N, C-alpha and C. Protein backbone atom coordinates (compact mmCIF):
# COMPACT_ATOMS: atom_id res chain seq x y z
N MET A 1 -10.04 -21.58 10.63
CA MET A 1 -8.08 -21.91 10.74
C MET A 1 -7.44 -21.25 9.56
N TYR A 2 -6.45 -20.71 10.65
CA TYR A 2 -5.81 -19.50 9.57
C TYR A 2 -3.70 -20.29 9.32
N VAL A 3 -4.12 -20.07 7.67
CA VAL A 3 -3.15 -20.16 7.44
C VAL A 3 -2.23 -19.19 7.21
N GLY A 4 -0.51 -19.11 7.53
CA GLY A 4 0.21 -18.15 6.95
C GLY A 4 1.33 -18.04 7.55
N THR A 5 1.92 -16.94 7.54
CA THR A 5 3.56 -17.44 8.69
C THR A 5 2.75 -16.54 9.80
N ILE A 6 3.56 -16.41 10.17
CA ILE A 6 3.84 -15.46 12.13
C ILE A 6 3.65 -13.88 11.73
N HIS A 7 4.58 -13.43 10.91
CA HIS A 7 4.27 -12.68 10.64
C HIS A 7 3.37 -12.13 10.07
N ALA A 8 2.36 -12.33 9.11
CA ALA A 8 1.28 -12.32 8.58
C ALA A 8 -0.17 -12.56 9.61
N PHE A 9 -0.10 -13.64 10.15
CA PHE A 9 -0.78 -13.86 11.85
C PHE A 9 -0.88 -12.49 12.72
N CYS A 10 -0.37 -12.28 12.82
CA CYS A 10 0.83 -11.11 13.99
C CYS A 10 -0.09 -9.31 13.20
N MET A 11 0.02 -9.41 12.01
CA MET A 11 -0.25 -8.88 11.67
C MET A 11 -2.24 -8.08 11.26
N ASN A 12 -2.49 -9.42 10.64
CA ASN A 12 -4.05 -9.56 11.17
C ASN A 12 -4.16 -9.16 12.60
N ILE A 13 -3.90 -9.92 12.95
CA ILE A 13 -4.40 -9.20 14.17
C ILE A 13 -4.34 -7.74 14.95
N LEU A 14 -3.52 -8.08 14.98
CA LEU A 14 -2.72 -6.22 14.76
C LEU A 14 -3.68 -5.09 14.20
N MET A 15 -4.47 -5.77 12.92
CA MET A 15 -5.27 -4.53 11.82
C MET A 15 -6.49 -4.91 12.45
N ASN A 16 -6.88 -6.01 13.02
CA ASN A 16 -8.08 -6.00 13.27
C ASN A 16 -8.76 -6.51 14.14
N TYR A 17 -7.62 -5.64 15.77
CA TYR A 17 -8.06 -5.78 17.07
C TYR A 17 -7.20 -4.62 18.16
N VAL A 18 -6.09 -4.36 17.11
CA VAL A 18 -5.72 -2.84 17.63
C VAL A 18 -6.10 -1.90 17.13
N PRO A 19 -7.08 -0.58 17.39
CA PRO A 19 -7.77 0.12 16.95
C PRO A 19 -6.28 1.26 15.66
N LYS A 20 -5.79 1.30 16.17
CA LYS A 20 -4.07 2.37 15.77
C LYS A 20 -3.04 1.70 14.93
N PHE A 21 -3.76 0.26 14.46
CA PHE A 21 -2.97 -0.47 13.73
C PHE A 21 -4.17 -0.75 12.62
N MET A 22 -5.29 0.18 12.66
CA MET A 22 -6.10 -0.65 11.12
C MET A 22 -5.58 0.60 10.25
N LYS A 23 -5.31 1.67 10.16
CA LYS A 23 -5.02 2.42 8.93
C LYS A 23 -3.10 1.77 8.65
N TYR A 24 -3.14 0.97 9.00
CA TYR A 24 -1.29 0.23 8.59
C TYR A 24 -1.93 -0.85 7.35
N THR A 25 -1.01 -0.67 6.21
CA THR A 25 -1.00 -1.40 5.36
C THR A 25 0.42 -2.39 4.93
N LEU A 26 0.42 -3.34 4.28
CA LEU A 26 1.61 -4.09 4.32
C LEU A 26 2.73 -3.43 2.97
N LEU A 27 3.63 -2.81 2.93
CA LEU A 27 3.89 -2.97 1.81
C LEU A 27 4.18 -3.84 0.42
N THR A 28 4.22 -3.29 -0.61
CA THR A 28 4.39 -4.46 -1.99
C THR A 28 5.28 -4.31 -2.44
N ASP A 29 6.29 -5.49 -3.16
CA ASP A 29 6.90 -5.25 -3.47
C ASP A 29 7.46 -4.13 -3.85
N VAL A 30 6.83 -3.32 -4.96
CA VAL A 30 8.15 -2.52 -5.08
C VAL A 30 7.96 -1.87 -4.43
N GLN A 31 7.03 -0.64 -3.53
CA GLN A 31 7.73 0.28 -2.26
C GLN A 31 8.23 -0.39 -1.99
N GLN A 32 8.20 -2.00 -1.47
CA GLN A 32 9.54 -2.01 -0.75
C GLN A 32 11.01 -1.55 -1.16
N LYS A 33 11.13 -2.48 -1.83
CA LYS A 33 12.37 -1.52 -2.97
C LYS A 33 12.09 -0.72 -3.76
N LEU A 34 11.57 0.09 -3.34
CA LEU A 34 11.94 1.72 -3.14
C LEU A 34 12.17 2.44 -2.41
N LEU A 35 11.69 1.62 -1.17
CA LEU A 35 12.17 1.98 -0.23
C LEU A 35 13.68 2.06 0.76
N ILE A 36 13.88 1.05 0.16
CA ILE A 36 15.36 0.54 0.13
C ILE A 36 16.11 1.17 -0.57
N ASP A 37 15.77 1.62 -1.74
CA ASP A 37 16.50 2.60 -2.83
C ASP A 37 16.45 3.68 -1.95
N GLN A 38 15.85 4.66 -1.44
CA GLN A 38 14.95 5.68 -0.62
C GLN A 38 16.82 5.82 -0.14
N GLY A 39 16.45 4.31 0.55
CA GLY A 39 17.38 4.73 2.45
C GLY A 39 18.87 4.13 2.07
N LEU A 40 19.37 3.82 1.07
CA LEU A 40 21.07 3.82 0.10
C LEU A 40 21.30 4.79 -0.65
N ASN A 41 19.96 5.25 -1.48
CA ASN A 41 20.31 6.83 -1.50
C ASN A 41 20.32 8.16 -0.74
N LEU A 42 20.20 7.87 0.74
CA LEU A 42 20.33 8.37 1.12
C LEU A 42 21.44 8.62 2.49
N LEU A 43 21.89 7.33 2.98
CA LEU A 43 22.82 7.40 3.32
C LEU A 43 24.28 7.07 1.98
N PRO A 44 24.60 7.67 1.14
CA PRO A 44 25.45 7.43 1.21
C PRO A 44 27.38 7.00 1.37
N GLU A 45 27.25 7.19 2.62
CA GLU A 45 28.33 7.21 3.46
C GLU A 45 28.18 6.38 4.72
N LEU A 46 26.97 5.50 4.25
CA LEU A 46 26.82 4.12 4.56
C LEU A 46 28.22 2.93 4.43
N ARG A 47 28.54 2.21 5.45
CA ARG A 47 29.94 1.66 5.68
C ARG A 47 29.32 0.35 6.12
N THR A 48 30.13 -0.40 5.97
CA THR A 48 30.54 -2.13 5.58
C THR A 48 30.83 -2.49 7.35
N ASN A 49 30.70 -3.18 8.52
CA ASN A 49 31.35 -3.20 9.49
C ASN A 49 32.40 -3.14 9.44
N SER A 50 33.62 -3.91 8.04
CA SER A 50 34.96 -3.56 7.64
C SER A 50 35.10 -2.18 8.10
N GLY A 51 34.44 -1.08 7.81
CA GLY A 51 34.84 -0.04 7.59
C GLY A 51 34.83 0.70 6.26
N ARG A 52 34.24 0.07 5.39
CA ARG A 52 34.78 0.32 3.60
C ARG A 52 33.53 1.04 3.24
N THR A 53 33.61 2.29 2.54
CA THR A 53 32.16 2.80 1.95
C THR A 53 31.65 1.27 0.97
N LEU A 54 29.77 1.68 0.99
CA LEU A 54 29.50 0.18 0.11
C LEU A 54 29.62 0.61 -1.14
N CYS A 55 30.54 -0.35 -1.95
CA CYS A 55 29.89 -0.28 -3.32
C CYS A 55 28.56 -1.18 -4.13
N GLU A 56 28.84 -0.70 -5.52
CA GLU A 56 27.29 -1.45 -6.28
C GLU A 56 26.89 -2.91 -6.04
N GLU A 57 28.54 -3.72 -5.27
CA GLU A 57 28.12 -5.11 -5.38
C GLU A 57 27.49 -5.45 -3.87
N ASP A 58 27.94 -4.26 -3.48
CA ASP A 58 26.79 -4.61 -1.32
C ASP A 58 25.59 -4.19 -1.80
N LYS A 59 25.63 -3.34 -2.27
CA LYS A 59 23.94 -2.74 -2.85
C LYS A 59 23.08 -3.64 -3.85
N ALA A 60 24.07 -4.55 -4.32
CA ALA A 60 23.18 -5.40 -5.35
C ALA A 60 22.76 -6.50 -4.50
N ARG A 61 23.94 -6.62 -2.85
CA ARG A 61 23.49 -8.05 -2.03
C ARG A 61 22.52 -7.45 -1.32
N ILE A 62 22.67 -6.06 -1.08
CA ILE A 62 21.14 -5.41 -0.25
C ILE A 62 19.10 -6.25 -1.05
N TRP A 63 20.15 -5.91 -1.86
CA TRP A 63 18.54 -5.71 -3.14
C TRP A 63 18.39 -7.37 -2.91
N LEU A 64 19.33 -8.39 -2.74
CA LEU A 64 18.81 -10.14 -2.64
C LEU A 64 18.30 -10.51 -1.81
N LEU A 65 18.43 -10.07 -0.90
CA LEU A 65 18.16 -9.85 0.55
C LEU A 65 16.90 -9.87 0.36
N ALA A 66 16.48 -8.40 -0.31
CA ALA A 66 14.60 -8.39 -0.15
C ALA A 66 13.96 -8.82 -1.12
N ASP A 67 15.02 -9.09 -2.07
CA ASP A 67 13.97 -10.59 -2.84
C ASP A 67 13.84 -11.26 -1.80
N LEU A 68 14.58 -12.25 -0.77
CA LEU A 68 14.69 -13.10 -0.21
C LEU A 68 13.52 -13.03 0.66
N CYS A 69 13.02 -11.79 1.11
CA CYS A 69 13.06 -11.62 2.85
C CYS A 69 11.00 -11.28 2.00
N GLY A 70 11.36 -11.24 0.87
CA GLY A 70 10.17 -10.09 0.85
C GLY A 70 9.02 -11.10 -0.05
């Protein structure tokens, strides 16, 4: 019997039964945060739905969401 999230269950099936997915691994918390940080730094002109540029408070919200989802 498997106990876990649907995401982990699907990843487990892909990694065990689909050869092209056997080489993939899940990101650690640190890797996930570094990836988000790189994305935010690469897109300095990223704008909100209202058209204003992201401020530090907006970036903090993105980090919080990453923590909640990770």
